[in-house]
Amino acid sequence: MKKVLIIGNGPSALENNLGDRIDSNEFDIVCRINRGHKQDNGVLNIGFEKQVGSRCDVWFCSDLRIKLALERSNEYEQIFIYCPAFKYNSLK
């Protein structure tokens, strides 16, 4: 069984200095969501490494970032694109 860490990008993620632990080999897979790793322009989020590290093996992104996901396909082990259900009314 693998140890997977999913890091959210809310303000509470900055409450503890867990960056070294997140970047260590303690976790087999580290996942980030939307702009939790990089901004849409490709700039790596810096200045928060002490709190949330910088490692990202798997990227979860919304359907709004499909083009970015294609552009970044070689940067991550896997990319998952999610589409919120509220966007597509099953009655239409």
PDB file of N, CA and C in Angstrom:
ATOM      1  N   MET A   1       0.847  -1.178   0.000  1.00  0.00           N
ATOM      2  CA  MET A   1       0.000   0.000   0.000  1.00  0.00           C
ATOM      3  C   MET A   1       0.894   1.243   0.000  1.00  0.00           C
ATOM      4  N   LYS A   2       0.484   2.230  -0.782  1.00  0.00           N
ATOM      5  CA  LYS A   2       1.258   3.463  -0.874  1.00  0.00           C
ATOM      6  C   LYS A   2       0.701   4.518   0.071  1.00  0.00           C
ATOM      7  N   LYS A   3       1.598   5.379   0.527  1.00  0.00           N
ATOM      8  CA  LYS A   3       1.201   6.511   1.353  1.00  0.00           C
ATOM      9  C   LYS A   3       1.067   7.735   0.462  1.00  0.00           C
ATOM     10  N   VAL A   4      -0.162   8.243   0.372  1.00  0.00           N
ATOM     11  CA  VAL A   4      -0.469   9.372  -0.502  1.00  0.00           C
ATOM     12  C   VAL A   4      -0.840  10.576   0.349  1.00  0.00           C
ATOM     13  N   LEU A   5      -0.284  11.718   0.013  1.00  0.00           N
ATOM     14  CA  LEU A   5      -0.594  12.962   0.700  1.00  0.00           C
ATOM     15  C   LEU A   5      -1.230  13.919  -0.295  1.00  0.00           C
ATOM     16  N   ILE A   6      -2.420  14.409   0.028  1.00  0.00           N
ATOM     17  CA  ILE A   6      -3.085  15.415  -0.793  1.00  0.00           C
ATOM     18  C   ILE A   6      -3.034  16.719  -0.019  1.00  0.00           C
ATOM     19  N   ILE A   7      -2.400  17.705  -0.600  1.00  0.00           N
ATOM     20  CA  ILE A   7      -2.232  18.996   0.069  1.00  0.00           C
ATOM     21  C   ILE A   7      -3.215  19.994  -0.524  1.00  0.00           C
ATOM     22  N   GLY A   8      -4.072  20.499   0.314  1.00  0.00           N
ATOM     23  CA  GLY A   8      -4.998  21.540  -0.117  1.00  0.00           C
ATOM     24  C   GLY A   8      -4.283  22.872  -0.206  1.00  0.00           C
ATOM     25  N   ASN A   9      -4.948  23.861  -0.751  1.00  0.00           N
ATOM     26  CA  ASN A   9      -4.310  25.163  -0.885  1.00  0.00           C
ATOM     27  C   ASN A   9      -5.085  26.251  -0.152  1.00  0.00           C
ATOM     28  N   GLY A  10      -5.727  25.867   0.943  1.00  0.00           N
ATOM     29  CA  GLY A  10      -6.392  26.844   1.795  1.00  0.00           C
ATOM     30  C   GLY A  10      -5.408  27.445   2.786  1.00  0.00           C
ATOM     31  N   PRO A  11      -5.785  28.515   3.462  1.00  0.00           N
ATOM     32  CA  PRO A  11      -4.871  29.190   4.391  1.00  0.00           C
ATOM     33  C   PRO A  11      -4.415  28.314   5.556  1.00  0.00           C
ATOM     34  N   SER A  12      -5.186  27.317   5.934  1.00  0.00           N
ATOM     35  CA  SER A  12      -4.781  26.467   7.050  1.00  0.00           C
ATOM     36  C   SER A  12      -3.545  25.631   6.714  1.00  0.00           C
ATOM     37  N   ALA A  13      -3.253  25.455   5.438  1.00  0.00           N
ATOM     38  CA  ALA A  13      -2.057  24.701   5.041  1.00  0.00           C
ATOM     39  C   ALA A  13      -0.778  25.409   5.488  1.00  0.00           C
ATOM     40  N   LEU A  14      -0.873  26.700   5.772  1.00  0.00           N
ATOM     41  CA  LEU A  14       0.308  27.476   6.167  1.00  0.00           C
ATOM     42  C   LEU A  14       0.480  27.577   7.674  1.00  0.00           C
ATOM     43  N   GLU A  15      -0.375  26.892   8.432  1.00  0.00           N
ATOM     44  CA  GLU A  15      -0.331  27.009   9.895  1.00  0.00           C
ATOM     45  C   GLU A  15       0.797  26.225  10.542  1.00  0.00           C
ATOM     46  N   ASN A  16       1.368  25.260   9.826  1.00  0.00           N
ATOM     47  CA  ASN A  16       2.446  24.443  10.391  1.00  0.00           C
ATOM     48  C   ASN A  16       3.607  24.373   9.411  1.00  0.00           C
ATOM     49  N   ASN A  17       4.790  24.191   9.930  1.00  0.00           N
ATOM     50  CA  ASN A  17       5.993  24.076   9.105  1.00  0.00           C
ATOM     51  C   ASN A  17       6.270  22.603   8.816  1.00  0.00           C
ATOM     52  N   LEU A  18       5.582  22.064   7.806  1.00  0.00           N
ATOM     53  CA  LEU A  18       5.690  20.649   7.466  1.00  0.00           C
ATOM     54  C   LEU A  18       6.383  20.416   6.132  1.00  0.00           C
ATOM     55  N   GLY A  19       6.980  21.454   5.573  1.00  0.00           N
ATOM     56  CA  GLY A  19       7.587  21.350   4.255  1.00  0.00           C
ATOM     57  C   GLY A  19       8.625  20.258   4.127  1.00  0.00           C
ATOM     58  N   ASP A  20       9.532  20.150   5.090  1.00  0.00           N
ATOM     59  CA  ASP A  20      10.570  19.120   5.019  1.00  0.00           C
ATOM     60  C   ASP A  20       9.957  17.723   5.050  1.00  0.00           C
ATOM     61  N   ARG A  21       8.939  17.556   5.864  1.00  0.00           N
ATOM     62  CA  ARG A  21       8.272  16.249   5.960  1.00  0.00           C
ATOM     63  C   ARG A  21       7.545  15.920   4.649  1.00  0.00           C
ATOM     64  N   ILE A  22       6.870  16.904   4.076  1.00  0.00           N
ATOM     65  CA  ILE A  22       6.141  16.701   2.823  1.00  0.00           C
ATOM     66  C   ILE A  22       7.105  16.339   1.697  1.00  0.00           C
ATOM     67  N   ASP A  23       8.246  16.985   1.642  1.00  0.00           N
ATOM     68  CA  ASP A  23       9.221  16.740   0.578  1.00  0.00           C
ATOM     69  C   ASP A  23      10.066  15.492   0.815  1.00  0.00           C
ATOM     70  N   SER A  24       9.984  14.904   1.991  1.00  0.00           N
ATOM     71  CA  SER A  24      10.795  13.725   2.315  1.00  0.00           C
ATOM     72  C   SER A  24      10.256  12.479   1.598  1.00  0.00           C
ATOM     73  N   ASN A  25      10.886  11.366   1.863  1.00  0.00           N
ATOM     74  CA  ASN A  25      10.454  10.093   1.289  1.00  0.00           C
ATOM     75  C   ASN A  25       9.385   9.404   2.131  1.00  0.00           C
ATOM     76  N   GLU A  26       8.842  10.096   3.134  1.00  0.00           N
ATOM     77  CA  GLU A  26       7.804   9.501   3.974  1.00  0.00           C
ATOM     78  C   GLU A  26       6.553   9.159   3.160  1.00  0.00           C
ATOM     79  N   PHE A  27       6.287   9.957   2.131  1.00  0.00           N
ATOM     80  CA  PHE A  27       5.106   9.753   1.302  1.00  0.00           C
ATOM     81  C   PHE A  27       5.537   9.269  -0.074  1.00  0.00           C
ATOM     82  N   ASP A  28       4.823   8.280  -0.589  1.00  0.00           N
ATOM     83  CA  ASP A  28       5.133   7.759  -1.915  1.00  0.00           C
ATOM     84  C   ASP A  28       4.662   8.721  -3.009  1.00  0.00           C
ATOM     85  N   ILE A  29       3.546   9.384  -2.745  1.00  0.00           N
ATOM     86  CA  ILE A  29       2.961  10.289  -3.725  1.00  0.00           C
ATOM     87  C   ILE A  29       2.479  11.551  -3.021  1.00  0.00           C
ATOM     88  N   VAL A  30       2.839  12.704  -3.572  1.00  0.00           N
ATOM     89  CA  VAL A  30       2.363  13.989  -3.064  1.00  0.00           C
ATOM     90  C   VAL A  30       1.515  14.625  -4.166  1.00  0.00           C
ATOM     91  N   CYS A  31       0.277  14.984  -3.801  1.00  0.00           N
ATOM     92  CA  CYS A  31      -0.680  15.558  -4.760  1.00  0.00           C
ATOM     93  C   CYS A  31      -0.988  17.002  -4.396  1.00  0.00           C
ATOM     94  N   ARG A  32      -1.173  17.809  -5.416  1.00  0.00           N
ATOM     95  CA  ARG A  32      -1.574  19.208  -5.236  1.00  0.00           C
ATOM     96  C   ARG A  32      -2.796  19.480  -6.108  1.00  0.00           C
ATOM     97  N   ILE A  33      -3.496  20.566  -5.789  1.00  0.00           N
ATOM     98  CA  ILE A  33      -4.757  20.886  -6.457  1.00  0.00           C
ATOM     99  C   ILE A  33      -4.666  22.268  -7.108  1.00  0.00           C
ATOM    100  N   ASN A  34      -5.147  22.365  -8.343  1.00  0.00           N
ATOM    101  CA  ASN A  34      -5.196  23.613  -9.109  1.00  0.00           C
ATOM    102  C   ASN A  34      -3.905  24.407  -9.007  1.00  0.00           C
ATOM    103  N   ARG A  35      -3.923  25.578  -8.392  1.00  0.00           N
ATOM    104  CA  ARG A  35      -2.722  26.412  -8.306  1.00  0.00           C
ATOM    105  C   ARG A  35      -1.937  26.161  -7.018  1.00  0.00           C
ATOM    106  N   GLY A  36      -2.100  25.004  -6.436  1.00  0.00           N
ATOM    107  CA  GLY A  36      -1.374  24.680  -5.207  1.00  0.00           C
ATOM    108  C   GLY A  36       0.098  24.418  -5.416  1.00  0.00           C
ATOM    109  N   HIS A  37       0.522  24.231  -6.644  1.00  0.00           N
ATOM    110  CA  HIS A  37       1.926  23.978  -6.936  1.00  0.00           C
ATOM    111  C   HIS A  37       2.518  25.094  -7.804  1.00  0.00           C
ATOM    112  N   LYS A  38       1.807  25.438  -8.849  1.00  0.00           N
ATOM    113  CA  LYS A  38       2.235  26.500  -9.769  1.00  0.00           C
ATOM    114  C   LYS A  38       1.052  27.390 -10.093  1.00  0.00           C
ATOM    115  N   GLN A  39       1.363  28.614 -10.416  1.00  0.00           N
ATOM    116  CA  GLN A  39       0.339  29.515 -10.911  1.00  0.00           C
ATOM    117  C   GLN A  39       0.020  29.131 -12.360  1.00  0.00           C
ATOM    118  N   ASP A  40      -1.067  29.630 -12.887  1.00  0.00           N
ATOM    119  CA  ASP A  40      -1.445  29.285 -14.253  1.00  0.00           C
ATOM    120  C   ASP A  40      -0.405  29.716 -15.278  1.00  0.00           C
ATOM    121  N   ASN A  41       0.390  30.740 -14.950  1.00  0.00           N
ATOM    122  CA  ASN A  41       1.432  31.193 -15.877  1.00  0.00           C
ATOM    123  C   ASN A  41       2.696  30.330 -15.801  1.00  0.00           C
ATOM    124  N   GLY A  42       2.675  29.286 -14.957  1.00  0.00           N
ATOM    125  CA  GLY A  42       3.788  28.356 -14.853  1.00  0.00           C
ATOM    126  C   GLY A  42       4.789  28.672 -13.768  1.00  0.00           C
ATOM    127  N   VAL A  43       4.617  29.800 -13.080  1.00  0.00           N
ATOM    128  CA  VAL A  43       5.547  30.178 -12.020  1.00  0.00           C
ATOM    129  C   VAL A  43       5.305  29.304 -10.791  1.00  0.00           C
ATOM    130  N   LEU A  44       6.371  28.678 -10.328  1.00  0.00           N
ATOM    131  CA  LEU A  44       6.301  27.839  -9.141  1.00  0.00           C
ATOM    132  C   LEU A  44       5.979  28.692  -7.926  1.00  0.00           C
ATOM    133  N   ASN A  45       5.091  28.221  -7.087  1.00  0.00           N
ATOM    134  CA  ASN A  45       4.783  28.945  -5.850  1.00  0.00           C
ATOM    135  C   ASN A  45       5.998  28.893  -4.936  1.00  0.00           C
ATOM    136  N   ILE A  46       6.542  30.045  -4.638  1.00  0.00           N
ATOM    137  CA  ILE A  46       7.703  30.098  -3.760  1.00  0.00           C
ATOM    138  C   ILE A  46       7.366  30.941  -2.536  1.00  0.00           C
ATOM    139  N   GLY A  47       8.137  30.703  -1.483  1.00  0.00           N
ATOM    140  CA  GLY A  47       7.925  31.437  -0.246  1.00  0.00           C
ATOM    141  C   GLY A  47       7.113  30.653   0.778  1.00  0.00           C
ATOM    142  N   PHE A  48       6.602  29.499   0.378  1.00  0.00           N
ATOM    143  CA  PHE A  48       5.793  28.684   1.280  1.00  0.00           C
ATOM    144  C   PHE A  48       6.414  27.303   1.507  1.00  0.00           C
ATOM    145  N   GLU A  49       7.638  27.118   1.034  1.00  0.00           N
ATOM    146  CA  GLU A  49       8.281  25.805   1.125  1.00  0.00           C
ATOM    147  C   GLU A  49       8.401  25.322   2.560  1.00  0.00           C
ATOM    148  N   LYS A  50       8.663  26.229   3.478  1.00  0.00           N
ATOM    149  CA  LYS A  50       8.810  25.846   4.887  1.00  0.00           C
ATOM    150  C   LYS A  50       7.524  25.222   5.431  1.00  0.00           C
ATOM    151  N   GLN A  51       6.390  25.732   4.969  1.00  0.00           N
ATOM    152  CA  GLN A  51       5.102  25.229   5.444  1.00  0.00           C
ATOM    153  C   GLN A  51       4.606  24.025   4.636  1.00  0.00           C
ATOM    154  N   VAL A  52       4.674  24.097   3.311  1.00  0.00           N
ATOM    155  CA  VAL A  52       4.045  23.055   2.489  1.00  0.00           C
ATOM    156  C   VAL A  52       4.993  22.388   1.488  1.00  0.00           C
ATOM    157  N   GLY A  53       6.281  22.615   1.598  1.00  0.00           N
ATOM    158  CA  GLY A  53       7.224  21.980   0.701  1.00  0.00           C
ATOM    159  C   GLY A  53       7.044  22.428  -0.737  1.00  0.00           C
ATOM    160  N   SER A  54       7.669  21.675  -1.649  1.00  0.00           N
ATOM    161  CA  SER A  54       7.568  22.024  -3.066  1.00  0.00           C
ATOM    162  C   SER A  54       7.312  20.809  -3.952  1.00  0.00           C
ATOM    163  N   ARG A  55       7.337  19.649  -3.366  1.00  0.00           N
ATOM    164  CA  ARG A  55       7.164  18.413  -4.149  1.00  0.00           C
ATOM    165  C   ARG A  55       5.738  18.276  -4.681  1.00  0.00           C
ATOM    166  N   CYS A  56       5.620  17.793  -5.904  1.00  0.00           N
ATOM    167  CA  CYS A  56       4.312  17.512  -6.495  1.00  0.00           C
ATOM    168  C   CYS A  56       4.477  16.393  -7.512  1.00  0.00           C
ATOM    169  N   ASP A  57       3.913  15.240  -7.202  1.00  0.00           N
ATOM    170  CA  ASP A  57       3.974  14.097  -8.111  1.00  0.00           C
ATOM    171  C   ASP A  57       2.711  14.001  -8.977  1.00  0.00           C
ATOM    172  N   VAL A  58       1.577  14.340  -8.370  1.00  0.00           N
ATOM    173  CA  VAL A  58       0.287  14.240  -9.049  1.00  0.00           C
ATOM    174  C   VAL A  58      -0.428  15.573  -8.918  1.00  0.00           C
ATOM    175  N   TRP A  59      -0.994  16.018 -10.026  1.00  0.00           N
ATOM    176  CA  TRP A  59      -1.703  17.302 -10.035  1.00  0.00           C
ATOM    177  C   TRP A  59      -3.173  17.064 -10.350  1.00  0.00           C
ATOM    178  N   PHE A  60      -4.043  17.563  -9.483  1.00  0.00           N
ATOM    179  CA  PHE A  60      -5.479  17.550  -9.708  1.00  0.00           C
ATOM    180  C   PHE A  60      -5.858  18.953 -10.188  1.00  0.00           C
ATOM    181  N   CYS A  61      -6.518  19.046 -11.334  1.00  0.00           N
ATOM    182  CA  CYS A  61      -6.919  20.357 -11.819  1.00  0.00           C
ATOM    183  C   CYS A  61      -8.336  20.310 -12.368  1.00  0.00           C
ATOM    184  N   SER A  62      -8.962  21.451 -12.360  1.00  0.00           N
ATOM    185  CA  SER A  62     -10.333  21.532 -12.862  1.00  0.00           C
ATOM    186  C   SER A  62     -10.341  21.537 -14.381  1.00  0.00           C
ATOM    187  N   ASP A  63     -11.512  21.346 -14.931  1.00  0.00           N
ATOM    188  CA  ASP A  63     -11.666  21.341 -16.379  1.00  0.00           C
ATOM    189  C   ASP A  63     -11.296  22.688 -17.008  1.00  0.00           C
ATOM    190  N   LEU A  64     -11.195  23.733 -16.210  1.00  0.00           N
ATOM    191  CA  LEU A  64     -10.770  25.034 -16.721  1.00  0.00           C
ATOM    192  C   LEU A  64      -9.291  25.041 -17.113  1.00  0.00           C
ATOM    193  N   ARG A  65      -8.554  24.031 -16.671  1.00  0.00           N
ATOM    194  CA  ARG A  65      -7.109  23.983 -16.914  1.00  0.00           C
ATOM    195  C   ARG A  65      -6.699  22.837 -17.838  1.00  0.00           C
ATOM    196  N   ILE A  66      -7.596  22.415 -18.712  1.00  0.00           N
ATOM    197  CA  ILE A  66      -7.273  21.309 -19.618  1.00  0.00           C
ATOM    198  C   ILE A  66      -6.074  21.652 -20.493  1.00  0.00           C
ATOM    199  N   LYS A  67      -6.034  22.861 -21.035  1.00  0.00           N
ATOM    200  CA  LYS A  67      -4.904  23.267 -21.880  1.00  0.00           C
ATOM    201  C   LYS A  67      -3.595  23.219 -21.088  1.00  0.00           C
ATOM    202  N   LEU A  68      -3.623  23.717 -19.854  1.00  0.00           N
ATOM    203  CA  LEU A  68      -2.421  23.663 -19.007  1.00  0.00           C
ATOM    204  C   LEU A  68      -2.018  22.225 -18.714  1.00  0.00           C
ATOM    205  N   ALA A  69      -3.013  21.378 -18.479  1.00  0.00           N
ATOM    206  CA  ALA A  69      -2.719  19.970 -18.198  1.00  0.00           C
ATOM    207  C   ALA A  69      -1.988  19.327 -19.378  1.00  0.00           C
ATOM    208  N   LEU A  70      -2.416  19.634 -20.582  1.00  0.00           N
ATOM    209  CA  LEU A  70      -1.732  19.104 -21.761  1.00  0.00           C
ATOM    210  C   LEU A  70      -0.310  19.653 -21.863  1.00  0.00           C
ATOM    211  N   GLU A  71      -0.149  20.931 -21.587  1.00  0.00           N
ATOM    212  CA  GLU A  71       1.178  21.553 -21.652  1.00  0.00           C
ATOM    213  C   GLU A  71       2.120  20.981 -20.593  1.00  0.00           C
ATOM    214  N   ARG A  72       1.575  20.617 -19.446  1.00  0.00           N
ATOM    215  CA  ARG A  72       2.395  20.145 -18.320  1.00  0.00           C
ATOM    216  C   ARG A  72       2.418  18.624 -18.182  1.00  0.00           C
ATOM    217  N   SER A  73       1.996  17.934 -19.182  1.00  0.00           N
ATOM    218  CA  SER A  73       1.867  16.472 -19.071  1.00  0.00           C
ATOM    219  C   SER A  73       3.176  15.766 -18.728  1.00  0.00           C
ATOM    220  N   ASN A  74       4.304  16.348 -19.053  1.00  0.00           N
ATOM    221  CA  ASN A  74       5.597  15.731 -18.736  1.00  0.00           C
ATOM    222  C   ASN A  74       6.161  16.154 -17.383  1.00  0.00           C
ATOM    223  N   GLU A  75       5.469  17.055 -16.690  1.00  0.00           N
ATOM    224  CA  GLU A  75       5.983  17.573 -15.424  1.00  0.00           C
ATOM    225  C   GLU A  75       5.552  16.752 -14.208  1.00  0.00           C
ATOM    226  N   TYR A  76       4.511  15.943 -14.366  1.00  0.00           N
ATOM    227  CA  TYR A  76       3.954  15.195 -13.242  1.00  0.00           C
ATOM    228  C   TYR A  76       3.816  13.725 -13.617  1.00  0.00           C
ATOM    229  N   GLU A  77       3.820  12.860 -12.589  1.00  0.00           N
ATOM    230  CA  GLU A  77       3.608  11.443 -12.852  1.00  0.00           C
ATOM    231  C   GLU A  77       2.217  11.210 -13.426  1.00  0.00           C
ATOM    232  N   GLN A  78       1.246  11.942 -12.900  1.00  0.00           N
ATOM    233  CA  GLN A  78      -0.129  11.852 -13.384  1.00  0.00           C
ATOM    234  C   GLN A  78      -0.821  13.195 -13.193  1.00  0.00           C
ATOM    235  N   ILE A  79      -1.801  13.431 -14.051  1.00  0.00           N
ATOM    236  CA  ILE A  79      -2.666  14.606 -13.922  1.00  0.00           C
ATOM    237  C   ILE A  79      -4.097  14.115 -13.995  1.00  0.00           C
ATOM    238  N   PHE A  80      -4.904  14.529 -13.040  1.00  0.00           N
ATOM    239  CA  PHE A  80      -6.322  14.197 -13.028  1.00  0.00           C
ATOM    240  C   PHE A  80      -7.110  15.479 -13.233  1.00  0.00           C
ATOM    241  N   ILE A  81      -8.031  15.448 -14.168  1.00  0.00           N
ATOM    242  CA  ILE A  81      -8.876  16.601 -14.452  1.00  0.00           C
ATOM    243  C   ILE A  81     -10.273  16.291 -13.939  1.00  0.00           C
ATOM    244  N   TYR A  82     -10.778  17.163 -13.110  1.00  0.00           N
ATOM    245  CA  TYR A  82     -12.125  16.955 -12.579  1.00  0.00           C
ATOM    246  C   TYR A  82     -13.076  17.999 -13.153  1.00  0.00           C
ATOM    247  N   CYS A  83     -14.315  17.605 -13.251  1.00  0.00           N
ATOM    248  CA  CYS A  83     -15.352  18.476 -13.790  1.00  0.00           C
ATOM    249  C   CYS A  83     -16.489  18.523 -12.779  1.00  0.00           C
ATOM    250  N   PRO A  84     -16.681  19.651 -12.124  1.00  0.00           N
ATOM    251  CA  PRO A  84     -17.744  19.743 -11.117  1.00  0.00           C
ATOM    252  C   PRO A  84     -19.118  19.424 -11.702  1.00  0.00           C
ATOM    253  N   ALA A  85     -19.873  18.614 -10.996  1.00  0.00           N
ATOM    254  CA  ALA A  85     -21.185  18.173 -11.466  1.00  0.00           C
ATOM    255  C   ALA A  85     -22.158  19.321 -11.684  1.00  0.00           C
ATOM    256  N   PHE A  86     -22.023  20.397 -10.910  1.00  0.00           N
ATOM    257  CA  PHE A  86     -22.985  21.499 -11.032  1.00  0.00           C
ATOM    258  C   PHE A  86     -22.927  22.180 -12.403  1.00  0.00           C
ATOM    259  N   LYS A  87     -21.846  21.966 -13.131  1.00  0.00           N
ATOM    260  CA  LYS A  87     -21.713  22.594 -14.450  1.00  0.00           C
ATOM    261  C   LYS A  87     -22.601  21.922 -15.497  1.00  0.00           C
ATOM    262  N   TYR A  88     -22.932  20.676 -15.258  1.00  0.00           N
ATOM    263  CA  TYR A  88     -23.666  19.927 -16.264  1.00  0.00           C
ATOM    264  C   TYR A  88     -24.948  19.377 -15.657  1.00  0.00           C
ATOM    265  N   ASN A  89     -26.029  20.028 -15.935  1.00  0.00           N
ATOM    266  CA  ASN A  89     -27.332  19.622 -15.426  1.00  0.00           C
ATOM    267  C   ASN A  89     -27.800  18.417 -16.232  1.00  0.00           C
ATOM    268  N   SER A  90     -28.045  17.317 -15.546  1.00  0.00           N
ATOM    269  CA  SER A  90     -28.419  16.079 -16.230  1.00  0.00           C
ATOM    270  C   SER A  90     -29.788  16.180 -16.910  1.00  0.00           C
ATOM    271  N   LEU A  91     -30.581  17.221 -16.617  1.00  0.00           N
ATOM    272  CA  LEU A  91     -31.894  17.374 -17.238  1.00  0.00           C
ATOM    273  C   LEU A  91     -31.812  18.033 -18.600  1.00  0.00           C
ATOM    274  N   LYS A  92     -30.668  18.594 -18.959  1.00  0.00           N
ATOM    275  CA  LYS A  92     -30.517  19.277 -20.248  1.00  0.00           C
ATOM    276  C   LYS A  92     -30.124  18.294 -21.326  1.00  0.00           C
TER     277      LYS A  92
END
